[in-house]
């Protein structure tokens, strides 16, 4: 049984799927599964959703019986301990990188507190995989992330890469509050401590100039920001303003194409602004567990011509 994959799926509160094999009837395997999931050290003080954990244990025990096995005391005891716990006031998700694990305070809801920014979306995980396989794009560079949400992409990069500087930006107050909390949770694991800026794309795009701390950017990142046609003009104008101090600045935008018309509007707006656009082919190793039912693409955008 692939315990590493099971751990990644469990810690990120992802559907476990048909990963179970008959060796779960062994007591030693049940112990290994518990240590990789519900008894994992990283969960101490940073618990997952109680409903997710309960459902996982029910499925685990059902599968043991389905394979004709015995549910050993270690499994019953772990389940009993879980049932005795009160629901956590703050829920977390944990994401394994190659050498460490990052933890986020995160909502499982698609929309919470009036924003979509309190959940990690699949394009940020896809872009993280690409950048972790191509670290030279960010190492030693001045990086800005737009619409960072809870900070998954930036924290994954800062945990694995020594950026010159990394600025996480968003606008919604609840998002910014959780973002600061997530930086604090992971601070000891980070090779580069990110700064946080509140950036409203409408205000930034209309301003006479960008703040000095946003001058001289080497690369701008964004993920799952192309989902609303009404936001696209201000997003593109904001990017145009930000790259004005460095024409060589690269922009990488990862998008989940849920609505082809919305993505077409983004492509049109980018072209109308005079940017060059080219899709990046990613052959990065899959590190994270996310929904791949919709196409995910990475667009490289630049004022300069591509070589």
Protein backbone atom coordinates (compact mmCIF):
# COMPACT_ATOMS: atom_id res chain seq x y z
CA UNK A 1 0.00 0.00 0.00
CA UNK A 2 1.28 3.47 -0.91
CA UNK A 3 1.46 5.10 2.54
CA UNK A 4 3.08 8.26 1.16
CA UNK A 5 0.15 8.89 -1.20
CA UNK A 6 -2.36 8.06 1.53
CA UNK A 7 -0.65 10.52 3.88
CA UNK A 8 -0.68 13.30 1.25
CA UNK A 9 -4.35 12.75 0.51
CA UNK A 10 -5.32 12.57 4.18
CA UNK A 11 -3.33 15.56 5.41
CA UNK A 12 -4.73 17.79 2.64
CA UNK A 13 -8.29 16.56 3.35
CA UNK A 14 -8.56 15.18 -0.18
CA UNK A 15 -10.70 12.21 -1.22
CA UNK A 16 -8.70 9.07 -0.42
CA UNK A 17 -10.13 7.13 -3.37
CA UNK A 18 -9.47 3.50 -4.21
CA UNK A 19 -6.04 3.33 -2.65
CA UNK A 20 -6.77 0.49 -0.21
CA UNK A 21 -5.10 -2.91 -0.62
CA UNK A 22 -5.66 -6.20 1.17
CA UNK A 23 -2.62 -5.81 3.41
CA UNK A 24 -4.66 -3.46 5.63
CA UNK A 25 -5.91 -6.61 7.37
CA UNK A 26 -2.46 -6.91 8.99
CA UNK A 27 -2.07 -5.33 12.41
CA UNK A 28 1.30 -3.84 11.45
CA UNK A 29 -0.22 -2.18 8.38
CA UNK A 30 -3.09 -0.74 10.42
CA UNK A 31 -0.53 0.73 12.82
CA UNK A 32 1.48 2.21 9.94
CA UNK A 33 -1.66 3.75 8.42
CA UNK A 34 -2.63 5.34 11.74
CA UNK A 35 0.88 6.78 12.21
CA UNK A 36 0.79 8.22 8.69
CA UNK A 37 -2.66 9.78 9.12
CA UNK A 38 -4.66 10.40 12.30
CA UNK A 39 -1.66 9.97 14.63
CA UNK A 40 0.70 12.05 12.48
CA UNK A 41 2.91 14.35 14.58
CA UNK A 42 2.10 17.39 12.43
CA UNK A 43 -1.54 17.29 13.55
CA UNK A 44 -0.72 18.12 17.18
CA UNK A 45 -2.22 21.56 17.71
CA UNK A 46 -3.07 21.81 13.98
CA UNK A 47 -6.05 19.46 13.52
CA UNK A 48 -7.95 18.70 10.35
CA UNK A 49 -11.71 18.99 9.97
CA UNK A 50 -13.36 16.66 12.50
CA UNK A 51 -15.93 15.45 9.96
CA UNK A 52 -13.19 14.58 7.46
CA UNK A 53 -11.21 12.65 10.09
CA UNK A 54 -14.30 10.77 11.28
CA UNK A 55 -15.26 9.81 7.72
CA UNK A 56 -11.71 8.65 7.01
CA UNK A 57 -11.72 6.31 10.01
CA UNK A 58 -15.15 4.92 9.12
CA UNK A 59 -13.96 4.21 5.57
CA UNK A 60 -10.72 2.66 6.86
CA UNK A 61 -12.55 0.25 9.17
CA UNK A 62 -15.16 -0.57 6.54
CA UNK A 63 -12.40 -1.48 4.07
CA UNK A 64 -10.72 -3.76 6.63
CA UNK A 65 -13.99 -5.65 7.06
CA UNK A 66 -14.60 -5.65 3.30
CA UNK A 67 -11.28 -7.45 2.86
CA UNK A 68 -12.32 -9.99 5.50
CA UNK A 69 -9.90 -8.72 8.13
CA UNK A 70 -9.99 -7.97 11.83
CA UNK A 71 -10.07 -4.42 13.16
CA UNK A 72 -7.28 -4.47 15.74
CA UNK A 73 -7.30 -2.66 19.09
CA UNK A 74 -4.94 0.06 17.85
CA UNK A 75 -7.50 1.09 15.24
CA UNK A 76 -10.47 0.97 17.61
CA UNK A 77 -8.54 2.98 20.18
CA UNK A 78 -7.57 5.63 17.63
CA UNK A 79 -11.17 5.92 16.48
CA UNK A 80 -12.40 6.18 20.07
CA UNK A 81 -9.92 8.96 20.81
CA UNK A 82 -11.10 10.87 17.74
CA UNK A 83 -14.76 10.56 18.74
CA UNK A 84 -13.97 11.90 22.22
CA UNK A 85 -12.48 15.12 20.86
CA UNK A 86 -14.41 18.36 20.51
CA UNK A 87 -14.61 19.89 17.06
CA UNK A 88 -11.60 22.21 16.51
CA UNK A 89 -12.31 25.93 16.46
CA UNK A 90 -9.79 26.32 13.62
CA UNK A 91 -9.30 23.71 10.90
CA UNK A 92 -6.03 23.09 9.07
CA UNK A 93 -4.70 21.32 6.02
CA UNK A 94 -1.15 20.08 5.59
CA UNK A 95 0.76 19.80 2.31
CA UNK A 96 3.86 17.64 1.90
CA UNK A 97 6.71 19.07 -0.15
CA UNK A 98 9.81 17.05 -0.95
CA UNK A 99 11.63 17.98 2.27
CA UNK A 100 9.04 19.55 4.56
CA UNK A 101 5.33 20.05 5.18
CA UNK A 102 3.48 23.34 5.16
CA UNK A 103 0.32 23.91 7.17
CA UNK A 104 -2.56 26.27 6.41
CA UNK A 105 -5.55 27.42 8.37
CA UNK A 106 -8.07 26.68 5.66
CA UNK A 107 -11.79 26.42 5.00
CA UNK A 108 -13.21 23.49 3.08
CA UNK A 109 -15.99 25.69 1.66
CA UNK A 110 -15.82 27.01 -1.90
CA UNK A 111 -17.00 30.40 -0.65
CA UNK A 112 -16.60 31.51 2.97
CA UNK A 113 -16.96 34.95 4.56
CA UNK A 114 -17.90 36.39 1.19
CA UNK A 115 -14.74 35.34 -0.64
CA UNK A 116 -13.24 32.40 -2.55
CA UNK A 117 -9.85 33.23 -1.03
CA UNK A 118 -10.12 31.04 2.07
CA UNK A 119 -9.49 27.83 0.15
CA UNK A 120 -6.47 26.49 -1.74
CA UNK A 121 -7.36 26.08 -5.42
CA UNK A 122 -5.86 23.59 -7.84
CA UNK A 123 -4.11 26.07 -10.16
CA UNK A 124 -1.94 27.28 -7.26
CA UNK A 125 -0.88 23.69 -6.60
CA UNK A 126 -0.17 23.14 -10.30
CA UNK A 127 1.92 26.33 -10.50
CA UNK A 128 3.75 25.40 -7.29
CA UNK A 129 4.73 22.05 -8.80
CA UNK A 130 6.06 23.83 -11.91
CA UNK A 131 8.08 26.38 -9.93
CA UNK A 132 9.48 23.81 -7.50
CA UNK A 133 10.77 21.94 -10.56
CA UNK A 134 12.16 25.20 -12.02
CA UNK A 135 13.56 26.99 -8.97
CA UNK A 136 15.83 29.27 -11.00
CA UNK A 137 12.75 31.27 -12.00
CA UNK A 138 12.36 32.54 -8.43
CA UNK A 139 15.62 31.97 -6.55
CA UNK A 140 17.37 35.27 -5.89
CA UNK A 141 14.49 37.12 -7.57
CA UNK A 142 12.09 39.81 -6.39
CA UNK A 143 8.73 38.04 -6.56
CA UNK A 144 5.20 39.39 -6.22
CA UNK A 145 2.14 37.17 -6.01
CA UNK A 146 -1.27 38.65 -6.84
CA UNK A 147 -4.45 37.25 -5.30
CA UNK A 148 -2.47 34.93 -3.04
CA UNK A 149 -5.41 33.90 -0.85
CA UNK A 150 -4.27 31.82 2.12
CA UNK A 151 -0.70 31.77 0.81
CA UNK A 152 -0.28 28.17 -0.37
CA UNK A 153 1.78 29.00 -3.47
CA UNK A 154 4.03 31.54 -1.78
CA UNK A 155 4.63 29.43 1.31
CA UNK A 156 5.45 26.36 -0.79
CA UNK A 157 7.98 28.39 -2.77
CA UNK A 158 9.46 30.11 0.29
CA UNK A 159 9.85 26.74 2.02
CA UNK A 160 11.90 25.34 -0.87
CA UNK A 161 13.55 28.35 -2.57
CA UNK A 162 15.75 31.25 -1.49
CA UNK A 163 14.00 34.12 -3.23
CA UNK A 164 15.54 37.58 -3.12
CA UNK A 165 12.21 38.71 -1.67
CA UNK A 166 8.64 37.48 -1.88
CA UNK A 167 5.55 39.65 -1.55
CA UNK A 168 2.17 38.04 -0.94
CA UNK A 169 -0.77 40.25 -1.84
CA UNK A 170 -4.54 40.13 -1.57
CA UNK A 171 -7.35 42.52 -0.68
CA UNK A 172 -10.06 40.80 1.36
CA UNK A 173 -9.68 41.47 5.12
CA UNK A 174 -10.51 37.89 6.22
CA UNK A 175 -7.99 36.52 3.72
CA UNK A 176 -5.24 38.87 4.92
CA UNK A 177 -5.91 37.93 8.53
CA UNK A 178 -5.55 34.19 7.83
CA UNK A 179 -2.60 34.86 5.55
CA UNK A 180 -0.63 36.45 8.42
CA UNK A 181 -1.56 33.48 10.62
CA UNK A 182 -0.35 30.99 8.00
CA UNK A 183 2.98 32.76 7.63
CA UNK A 184 3.45 32.59 11.41
CA UNK A 185 2.57 28.88 11.51
CA UNK A 186 5.23 28.04 8.91
CA UNK A 187 7.86 30.69 9.63
CA UNK A 188 10.48 28.32 11.09
CA UNK A 189 10.36 26.19 7.92
CA UNK A 190 10.79 29.04 5.43
CA UNK A 191 14.03 29.85 3.61
CA UNK A 192 12.58 33.25 2.72
CA UNK A 193 10.08 35.10 4.93
CA UNK A 194 7.43 36.73 2.72
CA UNK A 195 6.06 40.24 3.20
CA UNK A 196 2.36 40.99 2.88
CA UNK A 197 0.84 43.86 0.89
CA UNK A 198 -2.82 44.75 0.50
CA UNK A 199 -3.38 45.31 -3.22
CA UNK A 200 -6.74 46.22 -4.70
CA UNK A 201 -6.41 45.69 -8.46
CA UNK A 202 -8.83 48.52 -9.25
CA UNK A 203 -6.92 51.03 -7.14
CA UNK A 204 -3.51 49.78 -8.24
CA UNK A 205 -4.42 49.94 -11.93
CA UNK A 206 -5.73 53.52 -11.61
CA UNK A 207 -2.82 54.85 -9.52
CA UNK A 208 -0.32 57.20 -11.11
CA UNK A 209 2.51 54.86 -10.12
CA UNK A 210 3.15 51.74 -8.05
CA UNK A 211 4.47 51.97 -4.48
CA UNK A 212 8.26 51.90 -4.30
CA UNK A 213 8.30 48.44 -2.69
CA UNK A 214 6.69 47.09 -5.86
CA UNK A 215 9.28 48.58 -8.21
CA UNK A 216 11.85 46.44 -9.97
CA UNK A 217 9.95 43.17 -9.82
CA UNK A 218 11.60 40.21 -11.55
CA UNK A 219 8.54 37.96 -11.68
CA UNK A 220 4.83 38.24 -10.89
CA UNK A 221 2.84 35.12 -10.04
CA UNK A 222 -0.90 34.54 -9.86
CA UNK A 223 -3.06 31.43 -9.68
CA UNK A 224 -6.80 30.93 -10.11
CA UNK A 225 -7.40 34.65 -10.56
CA UNK A 226 -9.10 34.28 -13.97
CA UNK A 227 -12.60 33.26 -12.90
CA UNK A 228 -14.72 36.43 -13.23
CA UNK A 229 -14.93 38.45 -16.47
CA UNK A 230 -15.58 41.64 -14.51
CA UNK A 231 -12.24 41.36 -12.69
CA UNK A 232 -10.11 40.72 -15.77
CA UNK A 233 -9.65 44.36 -16.98
CA UNK A 234 -8.42 45.56 -13.57
CA UNK A 235 -6.17 42.50 -13.20
CA UNK A 236 -4.49 43.05 -16.55
CA UNK A 237 -4.15 46.82 -16.02
CA UNK A 238 -2.68 46.20 -12.58
CA UNK A 239 -0.07 43.87 -14.08
CA UNK A 240 0.71 46.42 -16.78
CA UNK A 241 1.32 49.07 -14.12
CA UNK A 242 3.51 46.75 -12.05
CA UNK A 243 5.81 45.73 -14.93
CA UNK A 244 6.30 49.32 -16.07
CA UNK A 245 9.41 49.68 -13.89
CA UNK A 246 11.02 46.58 -15.40
CA UNK A 247 10.16 45.64 -18.96
CA UNK A 248 11.98 42.32 -18.48
CA UNK A 249 9.66 41.27 -15.67
CA UNK A 250 8.05 37.90 -16.30
CA UNK A 251 4.48 37.08 -15.36
CA UNK A 252 3.23 33.53 -14.79
CA UNK A 253 -0.52 33.06 -14.40
CA UNK A 254 -2.00 29.62 -13.74
CA UNK A 255 -5.67 29.18 -14.58
CA UNK A 256 -8.21 26.42 -14.20
CA UNK A 257 -10.37 26.66 -17.32
CA UNK A 258 -13.83 26.18 -15.88
CA UNK A 259 -15.43 28.53 -18.39
CA UNK A 260 -13.69 28.83 -21.78
CA UNK A 261 -15.38 32.20 -22.45
CA UNK A 262 -13.86 33.70 -19.30
CA UNK A 263 -10.40 32.45 -20.23
CA UNK A 264 -10.87 33.79 -23.79
CA UNK A 265 -11.71 37.21 -22.32
CA UNK A 266 -8.48 37.11 -20.33
CA UNK A 267 -6.45 36.16 -23.41
CA UNK A 268 -8.06 39.00 -25.35
CA UNK A 269 -7.39 41.55 -22.62
CA UNK A 270 -3.74 40.49 -22.40
CA UNK A 271 -3.31 40.91 -26.16
CA UNK A 272 -5.11 44.25 -26.24
CA UNK A 273 -2.70 45.60 -23.62
CA UNK A 274 0.30 44.77 -25.81
CA UNK A 275 1.59 41.83 -23.82
CA UNK A 276 3.12 38.77 -25.39
CA UNK A 277 1.50 35.55 -24.14
CA UNK A 278 2.74 31.97 -24.37
CA UNK A 279 1.49 28.83 -22.66
CA UNK A 280 4.07 26.99 -20.61
CA UNK A 281 4.22 23.20 -20.83
CA UNK A 282 4.71 21.72 -17.39
CA UNK A 283 6.17 18.24 -16.99
CA UNK A 284 6.75 18.69 -13.26
CA UNK A 285 6.40 15.81 -10.84
CA UNK A 286 2.96 15.74 -9.25
CA UNK A 287 3.36 16.56 -5.56
CA UNK A 288 -0.13 17.57 -4.53
CA UNK A 289 -3.59 16.07 -4.67
CA UNK A 290 -6.11 18.19 -6.57
CA UNK A 291 -9.03 18.02 -8.97
CA UNK A 292 -7.83 17.61 -12.56
CA UNK A 293 -11.26 17.29 -14.19
CA UNK A 294 -10.83 20.79 -15.69
CA UNK A 295 -7.81 21.79 -17.76
CA UNK A 296 -5.15 23.81 -15.92
CA UNK A 297 -2.79 26.02 -17.93
CA UNK A 298 0.14 28.32 -17.15
CA UNK A 299 0.46 31.47 -19.24
CA UNK A 300 3.74 33.31 -19.47
CA UNK A 301 3.06 36.99 -20.08
CA UNK A 302 5.65 39.65 -20.88
CA UNK A 303 6.11 43.06 -22.49
CA UNK A 304 9.36 41.77 -23.96
CA UNK A 305 9.46 39.33 -26.86
CA UNK A 306 10.04 35.69 -26.02
CA UNK A 307 13.36 34.23 -27.08
